[in-house]
Amino acid sequence: MRCRPCIVCLAVATVLAASALLGIRWNVSPSVAPGLYLARQRAVIRGDLALVCLPEVMGRWARLRGYLRPGRCPSGSQPLGKWIAGVPGDRVEIFSETVAINGLTLEGSSRERTDAHDRPVPMVAEGVLVLGRGEFWLHSGRHRRSLDSRVYGPLDRSSIQAVLEPLWTFPGN
């Protein structure tokens, strides 16, 4: 009977290792519906859910603030799941309170200037930009204080690790 916890731990470790090898990711962040996702390597299009690594400076800043846990990204932080809202050639208008892409305001794009602890959060400067070759605008829409392109601006395609496809998410999300 003393060996039962060892067997359970070994079984859990085996399942987790196999899942990682198969590209299965577990999300618990509020930015994306909690659940299981399959990471795929393919072309990125508008509306995709992407697994991204933040640029190193932003990733380190997010870890120091406690927004992200340690992970496998070059910054030492965990990757994030974010929706592709803008693709190369899109016109992004960054207003004081919201963001619009190709003239359509992104739902849930209010620009929060402080975090949940009332600390200031950097924001991309107001203005208009056209996404260049290989640039993408990422958005959460689920959480008003989400760490997305409102904070760090457009990301290069090299920051996108995979496209996430939902396998199972919690009902109601």
C-alpha atoms as a PDB file:
ATOM      1  CA  MET A   1       0.000   0.000   0.000  1.00  0.00           C
ATOM      2  CA  ARG A   2       2.912   2.396   0.573  1.00  0.00           C
ATOM      3  CA  CYS A   3       3.751   2.184  -3.107  1.00  0.00           C
ATOM      4  CA  ARG A   4       0.337   3.440  -4.315  1.00  0.00           C
ATOM      5  CA  PRO A   5       1.311   7.166  -4.108  1.00  0.00           C
ATOM      6  CA  CYS A   6       4.440   6.368  -6.146  1.00  0.00           C
ATOM      7  CA  ILE A   7       2.369   4.665  -8.832  1.00  0.00           C
ATOM      8  CA  VAL A   8      -0.083   7.572  -8.951  1.00  0.00           C
ATOM      9  CA  CYS A   9       2.768  10.097  -9.248  1.00  0.00           C
ATOM     10  CA  LEU A  10       4.414   8.046 -11.977  1.00  0.00           C
ATOM     11  CA  ALA A  11       1.121   7.765 -13.884  1.00  0.00           C
ATOM     12  CA  VAL A  12       0.499  11.524 -13.662  1.00  0.00           C
ATOM     13  CA  ALA A  13       4.059  12.286 -14.782  1.00  0.00           C
ATOM     14  CA  THR A  14       3.699   9.889 -17.725  1.00  0.00           C
ATOM     15  CA  VAL A  15       0.410  11.470 -18.826  1.00  0.00           C
ATOM     16  CA  LEU A  16       1.870  14.984 -18.562  1.00  0.00           C
ATOM     17  CA  ALA A  17       4.996  14.040 -20.519  1.00  0.00           C
ATOM     18  CA  ALA A  18       2.979  12.303 -23.230  1.00  0.00           C
ATOM     19  CA  SER A  19       0.631  15.300 -23.471  1.00  0.00           C
ATOM     20  CA  ALA A  20       3.549  17.687 -23.911  1.00  0.00           C
ATOM     21  CA  LEU A  21       5.049  15.492 -26.639  1.00  0.00           C
ATOM     22  CA  LEU A  22       1.685  15.419 -28.431  1.00  0.00           C
ATOM     23  CA  GLY A  23       1.389  19.213 -28.252  1.00  0.00           C
ATOM     24  CA  ILE A  24      -1.422  19.308 -25.713  1.00  0.00           C
ATOM     25  CA  ARG A  25      -1.476  22.455 -23.572  1.00  0.00           C
ATOM     26  CA  TRP A  26      -3.513  23.186 -20.450  1.00  0.00           C
ATOM     27  CA  ASN A  27      -4.725  26.775 -19.964  1.00  0.00           C
ATOM     28  CA  VAL A  28      -5.849  28.246 -16.652  1.00  0.00           C
ATOM     29  CA  SER A  29      -5.280  31.949 -17.434  1.00  0.00           C
ATOM     30  CA  PRO A  30      -8.311  34.271 -17.580  1.00  0.00           C
ATOM     31  CA  SER A  31      -7.280  35.597 -21.020  1.00  0.00           C
ATOM     32  CA  VAL A  32      -8.482  32.459 -22.810  1.00  0.00           C
ATOM     33  CA  ALA A  33     -11.139  29.906 -21.909  1.00  0.00           C
ATOM     34  CA  PRO A  34      -9.704  27.401 -19.405  1.00  0.00           C
ATOM     35  CA  GLY A  35      -9.182  23.937 -20.841  1.00  0.00           C
ATOM     36  CA  LEU A  36      -7.071  21.709 -23.069  1.00  0.00           C
ATOM     37  CA  TYR A  37      -5.661  22.906 -26.390  1.00  0.00           C
ATOM     38  CA  LEU A  38      -3.702  21.243 -29.181  1.00  0.00           C
ATOM     39  CA  ALA A  39      -0.656  23.218 -30.381  1.00  0.00           C
ATOM     40  CA  ARG A  40      -0.254  23.082 -34.183  1.00  0.00           C
ATOM     41  CA  GLN A  41       2.441  24.384 -36.490  1.00  0.00           C
ATOM     42  CA  ARG A  42       0.714  26.082 -39.417  1.00  0.00           C
ATOM     43  CA  ALA A  43       0.166  29.451 -41.093  1.00  0.00           C
ATOM     44  CA  VAL A  44      -1.348  32.081 -38.803  1.00  0.00           C
ATOM     45  CA  ILE A  45      -4.591  33.807 -39.808  1.00  0.00           C
ATOM     46  CA  ARG A  46      -6.908  36.379 -38.242  1.00  0.00           C
ATOM     47  CA  GLY A  47      -9.057  34.785 -35.537  1.00  0.00           C
ATOM     48  CA  ASP A  48      -6.500  32.127 -34.601  1.00  0.00           C
ATOM     49  CA  LEU A  49      -5.592  31.535 -30.992  1.00  0.00           C
ATOM     50  CA  ALA A  50      -1.805  31.751 -30.854  1.00  0.00           C
ATOM     51  CA  LEU A  51       0.715  30.519 -28.300  1.00  0.00           C
ATOM     52  CA  VAL A  52       3.230  33.377 -28.030  1.00  0.00           C
ATOM     53  CA  CYS A  53       6.433  34.275 -26.253  1.00  0.00           C
ATOM     54  CA  LEU A  54       6.736  37.926 -25.330  1.00  0.00           C
ATOM     55  CA  PRO A  55       9.851  39.862 -26.351  1.00  0.00           C
ATOM     56  CA  GLU A  56      12.543  39.307 -23.721  1.00  0.00           C
ATOM     57  CA  VAL A  57      12.328  42.703 -22.013  1.00  0.00           C
ATOM     58  CA  MET A  58       8.518  42.552 -21.771  1.00  0.00           C
ATOM     59  CA  GLY A  59       8.593  38.915 -20.629  1.00  0.00           C
ATOM     60  CA  ARG A  60      11.069  39.676 -17.842  1.00  0.00           C
ATOM     61  CA  TRP A  61       9.017  42.717 -16.777  1.00  0.00           C
ATOM     62  CA  ALA A  62       5.843  40.586 -16.682  1.00  0.00           C
ATOM     63  CA  ARG A  63       7.597  37.953 -14.530  1.00  0.00           C
ATOM     64  CA  LEU A  64       8.921  40.584 -12.109  1.00  0.00           C
ATOM     65  CA  ARG A  65       5.400  41.994 -11.762  1.00  0.00           C
ATOM     66  CA  GLY A  66       4.025  38.506 -11.063  1.00  0.00           C
ATOM     67  CA  TYR A  67       1.853  38.420 -14.195  1.00  0.00           C
ATOM     68  CA  LEU A  68       3.599  35.354 -15.622  1.00  0.00           C
ATOM     69  CA  ARG A  69       5.124  32.223 -14.148  1.00  0.00           C
ATOM     70  CA  PRO A  70       8.535  30.907 -15.157  1.00  0.00           C
ATOM     71  CA  GLY A  71       8.516  29.080 -18.461  1.00  0.00           C
ATOM     72  CA  ARG A  72      10.313  28.071 -21.626  1.00  0.00           C
ATOM     73  CA  CYS A  73      10.266  31.402 -23.507  1.00  0.00           C
ATOM     74  CA  PRO A  74      13.610  33.196 -24.111  1.00  0.00           C
ATOM     75  CA  SER A  75      12.672  35.696 -21.361  1.00  0.00           C
ATOM     76  CA  GLY A  76      12.299  32.806 -18.911  1.00  0.00           C
ATOM     77  CA  SER A  77       8.528  33.336 -18.761  1.00  0.00           C
ATOM     78  CA  GLN A  78       5.667  31.096 -19.746  1.00  0.00           C
ATOM     79  CA  PRO A  79       4.084  31.476 -23.199  1.00  0.00           C
ATOM     80  CA  LEU A  80       0.693  33.169 -23.496  1.00  0.00           C
ATOM     81  CA  GLY A  81      -2.458  32.328 -25.424  1.00  0.00           C
ATOM     82  CA  LYS A  82      -3.740  35.342 -27.393  1.00  0.00           C
ATOM     83  CA  TRP A  83      -6.121  35.847 -30.313  1.00  0.00           C
ATOM     84  CA  ILE A  84      -4.784  37.124 -33.637  1.00  0.00           C
ATOM     85  CA  ALA A  85      -6.789  40.315 -34.169  1.00  0.00           C
ATOM     86  CA  GLY A  86      -4.596  42.004 -36.779  1.00  0.00           C
ATOM     87  CA  VAL A  87      -2.503  40.598 -39.620  1.00  0.00           C
ATOM     88  CA  PRO A  88       0.064  42.113 -41.995  1.00  0.00           C
ATOM     89  CA  GLY A  89      -1.434  45.031 -43.932  1.00  0.00           C
ATOM     90  CA  ASP A  90      -4.122  45.806 -41.342  1.00  0.00           C
ATOM     91  CA  ARG A  91      -4.568  49.379 -40.136  1.00  0.00           C
ATOM     92  CA  VAL A  92      -4.477  49.583 -36.325  1.00  0.00           C
ATOM     93  CA  GLU A  93      -5.877  52.726 -34.706  1.00  0.00           C
ATOM     94  CA  ILE A  94      -4.838  53.142 -31.092  1.00  0.00           C
ATOM     95  CA  PHE A  95      -7.122  55.598 -29.329  1.00  0.00           C
ATOM     96  CA  SER A  96      -6.895  56.813 -25.732  1.00  0.00           C
ATOM     97  CA  GLU A  97      -9.616  54.399 -24.628  1.00  0.00           C
ATOM     98  CA  THR A  98      -9.868  51.638 -27.286  1.00  0.00           C
ATOM     99  CA  VAL A  99      -8.227  49.993 -30.281  1.00  0.00           C
ATOM    100  CA  ALA A 100      -9.715  49.581 -33.771  1.00  0.00           C
ATOM    101  CA  ILE A 101      -8.504  47.403 -36.623  1.00  0.00           C
ATOM    102  CA  ASN A 102      -9.497  48.371 -40.157  1.00  0.00           C
ATOM    103  CA  GLY A 103     -12.051  50.779 -38.666  1.00  0.00           C
ATOM    104  CA  LEU A 104     -13.744  48.253 -36.361  1.00  0.00           C
ATOM    105  CA  THR A 105     -13.345  48.714 -32.607  1.00  0.00           C
ATOM    106  CA  LEU A 106     -12.080  45.545 -30.921  1.00  0.00           C
ATOM    107  CA  GLU A 107     -14.538  44.288 -28.347  1.00  0.00           C
ATOM    108  CA  GLY A 108     -12.966  44.443 -24.889  1.00  0.00           C
ATOM    109  CA  SER A 109     -10.145  46.738 -26.016  1.00  0.00           C
ATOM    110  CA  SER A 110     -10.411  49.336 -23.266  1.00  0.00           C
ATOM    111  CA  ARG A 111      -6.956  50.555 -22.348  1.00  0.00           C
ATOM    112  CA  GLU A 112      -6.374  50.105 -18.628  1.00  0.00           C
ATOM    113  CA  ARG A 113      -3.561  52.281 -17.360  1.00  0.00           C
ATOM    114  CA  THR A 114      -3.040  50.417 -14.078  1.00  0.00           C
ATOM    115  CA  ASP A 115      -2.990  46.774 -13.026  1.00  0.00           C
ATOM    116  CA  ALA A 116      -5.101  45.125 -10.308  1.00  0.00           C
ATOM    117  CA  HIS A 117      -2.644  46.466  -7.681  1.00  0.00           C
ATOM    118  CA  ASP A 118      -2.958  50.037  -9.015  1.00  0.00           C
ATOM    119  CA  ARG A 119       0.565  49.983 -10.484  1.00  0.00           C
ATOM    120  CA  PRO A 120       1.058  51.828 -13.802  1.00  0.00           C
ATOM    121  CA  VAL A 121       1.156  49.642 -16.917  1.00  0.00           C
ATOM    122  CA  PRO A 122       2.965  50.720 -20.091  1.00  0.00           C
ATOM    123  CA  MET A 123       0.755  51.325 -23.095  1.00  0.00           C
ATOM    124  CA  VAL A 124       1.497  51.515 -26.794  1.00  0.00           C
ATOM    125  CA  ALA A 125       1.399  55.154 -27.901  1.00  0.00           C
ATOM    126  CA  GLU A 126      -1.816  56.461 -29.405  1.00  0.00           C
ATOM    127  CA  GLY A 127      -1.824  56.761 -33.165  1.00  0.00           C
ATOM    128  CA  VAL A 128      -2.223  54.788 -36.360  1.00  0.00           C
ATOM    129  CA  LEU A 129       0.019  52.043 -37.663  1.00  0.00           C
ATOM    130  CA  VAL A 130      -0.145  49.603 -40.517  1.00  0.00           C
ATOM    131  CA  LEU A 131       1.070  46.141 -39.599  1.00  0.00           C
ATOM    132  CA  GLY A 132       4.156  45.286 -41.599  1.00  0.00           C
ATOM    133  CA  ARG A 133       5.231  42.006 -43.105  1.00  0.00           C
ATOM    134  CA  GLY A 134       5.257  39.347 -40.387  1.00  0.00           C
ATOM    135  CA  GLU A 135       3.611  41.609 -37.762  1.00  0.00           C
ATOM    136  CA  PHE A 136       0.501  40.610 -35.810  1.00  0.00           C
ATOM    137  CA  TRP A 137      -1.759  42.415 -33.328  1.00  0.00           C
ATOM    138  CA  LEU A 138      -2.746  40.156 -30.420  1.00  0.00           C
ATOM    139  CA  HIS A 139      -5.800  40.605 -28.256  1.00  0.00           C
ATOM    140  CA  SER A 140      -7.560  38.886 -25.393  1.00  0.00           C
ATOM    141  CA  GLY A 141     -10.981  40.467 -25.214  1.00  0.00           C
ATOM    142  CA  ARG A 142     -11.868  38.308 -22.183  1.00  0.00           C
ATOM    143  CA  HIS A 143      -9.985  40.236 -19.544  1.00  0.00           C
ATOM    144  CA  ARG A 144      -9.720  44.034 -19.499  1.00  0.00           C
ATOM    145  CA  ARG A 145      -6.244  43.960 -17.980  1.00  0.00           C
ATOM    146  CA  SER A 146      -4.900  41.248 -20.242  1.00  0.00           C
ATOM    147  CA  LEU A 147      -1.284  41.456 -21.303  1.00  0.00           C
ATOM    148  CA  ASP A 148      -1.718  41.847 -25.069  1.00  0.00           C
ATOM    149  CA  SER A 149      -0.722  44.189 -27.908  1.00  0.00           C
ATOM    150  CA  ARG A 150      -2.377  47.137 -26.127  1.00  0.00           C
ATOM    151  CA  VAL A 151       0.618  46.906 -23.783  1.00  0.00           C
ATOM    152  CA  TYR A 152       3.489  45.608 -25.936  1.00  0.00           C
ATOM    153  CA  GLY A 153       2.428  46.522 -29.478  1.00  0.00           C
ATOM    154  CA  PRO A 154       2.509  44.250 -32.507  1.00  0.00           C
ATOM    155  CA  LEU A 155       4.547  41.055 -32.327  1.00  0.00           C
ATOM    156  CA  ASP A 156       6.695  39.514 -35.006  1.00  0.00           C
ATOM    157  CA  ARG A 157       5.761  36.109 -36.434  1.00  0.00           C
ATOM    158  CA  SER A 158       8.838  34.633 -34.740  1.00  0.00           C
ATOM    159  CA  SER A 159       7.144  35.265 -31.351  1.00  0.00           C
ATOM    160  CA  ILE A 160       4.293  32.938 -32.289  1.00  0.00           C
ATOM    161  CA  GLN A 161       5.166  29.416 -31.174  1.00  0.00           C
ATOM    162  CA  ALA A 162       2.038  27.626 -32.413  1.00  0.00           C
ATOM    163  CA  VAL A 163      -1.656  27.945 -33.190  1.00  0.00           C
ATOM    164  CA  LEU A 164      -3.874  26.542 -30.426  1.00  0.00           C
ATOM    165  CA  GLU A 165      -6.979  24.536 -31.246  1.00  0.00           C
ATOM    166  CA  PRO A 166      -9.417  23.828 -28.396  1.00  0.00           C
ATOM    167  CA  LEU A 167      -9.818  20.165 -27.489  1.00  0.00           C
ATOM    168  CA  TRP A 168     -11.949  20.701 -24.385  1.00  0.00           C
ATOM    169  CA  THR A 169     -12.848  23.871 -22.525  1.00  0.00           C
ATOM    170  CA  PHE A 170     -14.913  24.391 -19.424  1.00  0.00           C
ATOM    171  CA  PRO A 171     -18.641  24.860 -20.189  1.00  0.00           C
ATOM    172  CA  GLY A 172     -19.771  28.457 -20.212  1.00  0.00           C
ATOM    173  CA  ASN A 173     -16.399  29.780 -21.448  1.00  0.00           C
END
